[in-house]
C-alpha atoms as a PDB file:
ATOM      1  CA  UNK A   1      43.310  -0.050  37.619  1.00  0.00           C
ATOM      2  CA  UNK A   2      41.815   0.077  34.174  1.00  0.00           C
ATOM      3  CA  UNK A   3      38.379  -0.811  32.891  1.00  0.00           C
ATOM      4  CA  UNK A   4      37.761  -2.700  29.682  1.00  0.00           C
ATOM      5  CA  UNK A   5      35.664  -1.035  27.003  1.00  0.00           C
ATOM      6  CA  UNK A   6      32.757  -3.279  27.979  1.00  0.00           C
ATOM      7  CA  UNK A   7      33.094  -2.300  31.649  1.00  0.00           C
ATOM      8  CA  UNK A   8      33.220   1.399  30.772  1.00  0.00           C
ATOM      9  CA  UNK A   9      30.108   1.044  28.641  1.00  0.00           C
ATOM     10  CA  UNK A  10      28.286  -0.685  31.504  1.00  0.00           C
ATOM     11  CA  UNK A  11      29.282   2.100  33.900  1.00  0.00           C
ATOM     12  CA  UNK A  12      28.084   4.738  31.426  1.00  0.00           C
ATOM     13  CA  UNK A  13      24.731   2.974  31.042  1.00  0.00           C
ATOM     14  CA  UNK A  14      24.010   3.118  34.743  1.00  0.00           C
ATOM     15  CA  UNK A  15      25.654   6.356  35.852  1.00  0.00           C
ATOM     16  CA  UNK A  16      29.202   7.456  35.357  1.00  0.00           C
ATOM     17  CA  UNK A  17      29.411  10.655  37.369  1.00  0.00           C
ATOM     18  CA  UNK A  18      30.061   9.071  40.736  1.00  0.00           C
ATOM     19  CA  UNK A  19      31.470   5.682  41.709  1.00  0.00           C
ATOM     20  CA  UNK A  20      28.820   5.019  44.345  1.00  0.00           C
ATOM     21  CA  UNK A  21      25.926   5.905  42.063  1.00  0.00           C
ATOM     22  CA  UNK A  22      26.900   3.053  39.746  1.00  0.00           C
ATOM     23  CA  UNK A  23      25.362   0.772  42.360  1.00  0.00           C
ATOM     24  CA  UNK A  24      22.304   0.758  40.099  1.00  0.00           C
ATOM     25  CA  UNK A  25      24.163  -2.011  38.270  1.00  0.00           C
ATOM     26  CA  UNK A  26      23.516  -4.280  41.277  1.00  0.00           C
ATOM     27  CA  UNK A  27      19.792  -3.590  41.121  1.00  0.00           C
ATOM     28  CA  UNK A  28      19.672  -4.526  37.437  1.00  0.00           C
ATOM     29  CA  UNK A  29      21.619  -7.788  37.768  1.00  0.00           C
ATOM     30  CA  UNK A  30      18.539 -10.055  38.197  1.00  0.00           C
ATOM     31  CA  UNK A  31      17.336  -8.894  34.774  1.00  0.00           C
ATOM     32  CA  UNK A  32      20.652  -9.605  33.053  1.00  0.00           C
ATOM     33  CA  UNK A  33      21.636 -12.802  31.279  1.00  0.00           C
ATOM     34  CA  UNK A  34      24.564 -14.772  32.710  1.00  0.00           C
ATOM     35  CA  UNK A  35      27.171 -13.157  30.447  1.00  0.00           C
ATOM     36  CA  UNK A  36      26.070  -9.650  31.434  1.00  0.00           C
ATOM     37  CA  UNK A  37      25.927 -10.646  35.130  1.00  0.00           C
ATOM     38  CA  UNK A  38      29.516 -11.844  34.898  1.00  0.00           C
ATOM     39  CA  UNK A  39      30.547  -8.518  33.360  1.00  0.00           C
ATOM     40  CA  UNK A  40      28.599  -6.637  36.015  1.00  0.00           C
ATOM     41  CA  UNK A  41      30.256  -8.627  38.830  1.00  0.00           C
ATOM     42  CA  UNK A  42      33.700  -8.025  37.327  1.00  0.00           C
ATOM     43  CA  UNK A  43      33.010  -4.302  37.005  1.00  0.00           C
ATOM     44  CA  UNK A  44      31.542  -3.991  40.489  1.00  0.00           C
ATOM     45  CA  UNK A  45      34.542  -5.799  41.971  1.00  0.00           C
ATOM     46  CA  UNK A  46      36.813  -3.168  40.465  1.00  0.00           C
ATOM     47  CA  UNK A  47      34.557  -0.312  41.586  1.00  0.00           C
ATOM     48  CA  UNK A  48      34.420  -1.670  45.141  1.00  0.00           C
ATOM     49  CA  UNK A  49      38.183  -1.664  45.470  1.00  0.00           C
ATOM     50  CA  UNK A  50      38.859   1.831  44.172  1.00  0.00           C
ATOM     51  CA  UNK A  51      38.547   5.214  45.782  1.00  0.00           C
ATOM     52  CA  UNK A  52      36.416   8.039  44.474  1.00  0.00           C
ATOM     53  CA  UNK A  53      39.585   9.880  43.433  1.00  0.00           C
ATOM     54  CA  UNK A  54      40.744   6.874  41.401  1.00  0.00           C
ATOM     55  CA  UNK A  55      37.339   6.652  39.736  1.00  0.00           C
ATOM     56  CA  UNK A  56      37.416  10.356  38.847  1.00  0.00           C
ATOM     57  CA  UNK A  57      40.842   9.947  37.256  1.00  0.00           C
END
């Protein structure tokens, strides 16, 4: 599974060292506009389906 550049940037903004720590994205969603919320949902869907090993790779 691959992330788009936009998804990778979002992950880097919130914490890229550990898949589970990127959950901070969820906490920020109420403050995002609709376009950013859609990107966040798309990114979180991918993160939720992958393992830590896949994320590290």
